[in-house]
Amino acid sequence: MIRISRHDMLVRIAQVVAERSSCSRAAVGCLIVRDGRIIATGYNGAPTGMPHCEHKCTCGHPNHVGLDWREGCPRHDPDLHCTLALHAEANALVFAARHGVATDGAELYTTLAPCLHCAGLIINAGIKQVWCGKYYADVDGVNLLISRKIGVASPEPD
């Protein structure tokens, strides 16, 4: 039997957490980890009790009814952000705060690099290292983390 590293296990778990996402635009998962143990998880989606994010074309063209907004409607920007969903990083940090779990000095695993807003939350939460599965087109969040001396890396094995 080949035993995977703890790091690889955490990367995989973040990917599974992303499968809980309730946003049809993107599925993102996040873990907050201390001493190799998960202390909080989060995924992106609508706030508790609200309908899931559905990103369907609403331009009114009869051929576009039911299309995802990235699938063929020239009136929709394919890079348009979801305005309803809370990001996975924010949800993980809120969970930790709500339950009194300290995040100072912890690591964060996310399947997609943090946006600028989430990077600010990560800084204020005292996270020391961020592992990103994929880098988002807008790297302002990553650049902010790096400027504050927070480690940012792709989840490669140690």
Protein backbone atom coordinates (compact mmCIF):
# COMPACT_ATOMS: atom_id res chain seq x y z
CA MET A 1 0.00 0.00 0.00
CA ILE A 2 1.29 3.44 -0.91
CA ARG A 3 0.50 6.05 1.69
CA ILE A 4 -0.10 9.56 0.33
CA SER A 5 1.46 12.53 2.06
CA ARG A 6 -0.62 14.65 4.40
CA HIS A 7 -0.17 17.54 1.96
CA ASP A 8 -1.60 15.52 -0.94
CA MET A 9 -4.47 14.37 1.28
CA LEU A 10 -5.34 17.99 2.11
CA VAL A 11 -5.25 18.99 -1.57
CA ARG A 12 -7.66 16.16 -2.40
CA ILE A 13 -9.97 17.00 0.48
CA ALA A 14 -10.17 20.63 -0.72
CA GLN A 15 -11.21 19.30 -4.13
CA VAL A 16 -13.96 17.19 -2.54
CA VAL A 17 -15.16 20.15 -0.44
CA ALA A 18 -15.49 22.12 -3.72
CA GLU A 19 -18.10 19.58 -4.82
CA ARG A 20 -20.44 21.03 -2.15
CA SER A 21 -20.46 24.38 -3.95
CA SER A 22 -23.91 25.72 -4.74
CA CYS A 23 -22.73 28.21 -7.38
CA SER A 24 -23.17 27.13 -11.00
CA ARG A 25 -20.39 29.46 -12.19
CA ALA A 26 -17.48 27.90 -10.30
CA ALA A 27 -16.96 25.29 -7.60
CA VAL A 28 -14.27 26.22 -5.07
CA GLY A 29 -13.26 24.42 -1.89
CA CYS A 30 -11.13 25.64 1.00
CA LEU A 31 -9.53 24.17 4.12
CA ILE A 32 -7.91 25.91 7.05
CA VAL A 33 -5.27 23.69 8.57
CA ARG A 34 -3.18 23.81 11.73
CA ASP A 35 -0.43 21.27 12.45
CA GLY A 36 -1.58 19.20 9.49
CA ARG A 37 -5.15 18.95 10.80
CA ILE A 38 -8.27 20.53 9.32
CA ILE A 39 -9.80 23.14 11.62
CA ALA A 40 -12.37 24.58 9.17
CA THR A 41 -13.75 24.04 5.67
CA GLY A 42 -15.65 26.24 3.27
CA TYR A 43 -17.03 26.24 -0.25
CA ASN A 44 -18.53 28.96 -2.38
CA GLY A 45 -22.23 29.51 -2.65
CA ALA A 46 -25.22 31.56 -1.65
CA PRO A 47 -25.61 32.54 2.00
CA THR A 48 -27.38 30.03 4.25
CA GLY A 49 -31.08 29.75 3.51
CA MET A 50 -30.91 31.56 0.17
CA PRO A 51 -31.49 29.96 -3.25
CA HIS A 52 -28.44 28.55 -4.98
CA CYS A 53 -26.66 30.71 -7.54
CA GLU A 54 -28.02 29.99 -11.02
CA HIS A 55 -26.15 31.71 -13.79
CA LYS A 56 -28.50 31.36 -16.71
CA CYS A 57 -28.93 33.70 -19.64
CA THR A 58 -31.65 36.29 -19.05
CA CYS A 59 -31.29 38.33 -22.22
CA GLY A 60 -34.72 37.22 -23.49
CA HIS A 61 -33.52 35.72 -26.80
CA PRO A 62 -35.60 32.55 -27.41
CA ASN A 63 -32.53 30.51 -28.41
CA HIS A 64 -30.74 31.41 -25.19
CA VAL A 65 -33.35 30.24 -22.66
CA GLY A 66 -31.67 28.03 -20.08
CA LEU A 67 -28.16 28.58 -21.40
CA ASP A 68 -25.40 29.02 -18.88
CA TRP A 69 -24.24 32.61 -19.32
CA ARG A 70 -20.85 31.40 -20.60
CA GLU A 71 -22.38 29.25 -23.35
CA GLY A 72 -23.00 31.31 -26.40
CA CYS A 73 -24.77 34.50 -25.39
CA PRO A 74 -22.75 37.43 -26.72
CA ARG A 75 -24.56 39.79 -24.33
CA HIS A 76 -22.96 38.24 -21.25
CA ASP A 77 -19.37 38.69 -20.17
CA PRO A 78 -17.89 35.19 -19.59
CA ASP A 79 -15.65 36.62 -16.86
CA LEU A 80 -18.53 38.27 -15.00
CA HIS A 81 -18.31 37.56 -11.28
CA CYS A 82 -21.09 36.04 -9.25
CA THR A 83 -22.45 38.74 -6.97
CA LEU A 84 -24.42 36.43 -4.65
CA ALA A 85 -21.99 33.66 -3.70
CA LEU A 86 -19.75 33.94 -0.70
CA HIS A 87 -16.26 32.73 -1.51
CA ALA A 88 -14.90 29.48 -0.10
CA GLU A 89 -12.13 31.24 1.85
CA ALA A 90 -14.60 33.65 3.45
CA ASN A 91 -16.94 30.80 4.40
CA ALA A 92 -14.09 28.82 6.01
CA LEU A 93 -12.91 31.88 7.96
CA VAL A 94 -16.46 32.73 9.07
CA PHE A 95 -17.02 29.16 10.24
CA ALA A 96 -13.82 29.30 12.30
CA ALA A 97 -14.77 32.66 13.81
CA ARG A 98 -18.33 31.59 14.57
CA HIS A 99 -17.09 28.55 16.46
CA GLY A 100 -14.19 30.24 18.24
CA VAL A 101 -11.46 28.44 16.30
CA ALA A 102 -8.26 30.50 16.12
CA THR A 103 -6.72 30.83 12.65
CA ASP A 104 -3.56 32.75 13.55
CA GLY A 105 -0.56 30.90 12.13
CA ALA A 106 -2.67 28.39 10.19
CA GLU A 107 -2.37 27.35 6.55
CA LEU A 108 -5.12 27.64 3.94
CA TYR A 109 -5.69 25.23 1.03
CA THR A 110 -7.94 26.48 -1.75
CA THR A 111 -8.78 25.06 -5.16
CA LEU A 112 -8.69 28.56 -6.71
CA ALA A 113 -6.37 31.43 -5.77
CA PRO A 114 -7.99 34.02 -3.50
CA CYS A 115 -9.50 37.22 -4.87
CA LEU A 116 -8.38 40.58 -3.50
CA HIS A 117 -11.18 40.70 -0.90
CA CYS A 118 -10.49 37.18 0.39
CA ALA A 119 -6.76 37.94 0.47
CA GLY A 120 -7.53 40.79 2.87
CA LEU A 121 -9.55 38.43 5.07
CA ILE A 122 -6.71 35.89 4.99
CA ILE A 123 -4.21 38.53 6.07
CA ASN A 124 -6.39 39.72 8.94
CA ALA A 125 -7.04 36.12 10.05
CA GLY A 126 -3.29 35.57 10.50
CA ILE A 127 -2.95 32.79 7.92
CA LYS A 128 0.77 32.17 7.23
CA GLN A 129 0.66 30.02 4.06
CA VAL A 130 -1.79 29.65 1.16
CA TRP A 131 -1.79 26.68 -1.20
CA CYS A 132 -3.67 27.35 -4.49
CA GLY A 133 -4.87 24.63 -6.82
CA LYS A 134 -5.36 27.00 -9.76
CA TYR A 135 -4.50 30.62 -10.24
CA TYR A 136 -7.35 32.95 -11.13
CA ALA A 137 -6.90 35.33 -14.09
CA ASP A 138 -6.85 38.28 -11.67
CA VAL A 139 -3.76 37.84 -9.49
CA ASP A 140 -4.31 40.93 -7.32
CA GLY A 141 -5.21 38.77 -4.32
CA VAL A 142 -2.08 36.65 -4.69
CA ASN A 143 0.05 39.76 -5.10
CA LEU A 144 -1.42 41.26 -1.94
CA LEU A 145 -0.65 38.12 0.05
CA ILE A 146 2.91 38.05 -1.25
CA SER A 147 3.38 41.74 -0.42
CA ARG A 148 2.43 40.92 3.20
CA LYS A 149 4.99 38.07 3.30
CA ILE A 150 2.39 35.32 3.26
CA GLY A 151 3.59 32.25 1.42
CA VAL A 152 1.61 31.42 -1.72
CA ALA A 153 2.28 28.28 -3.72
CA SER A 154 0.73 25.67 -5.94
CA PRO A 155 0.06 22.51 -3.99
CA GLU A 156 3.15 20.56 -5.01
CA PRO A 157 4.37 17.85 -2.66
CA ASP A 158 7.12 18.83 -0.21
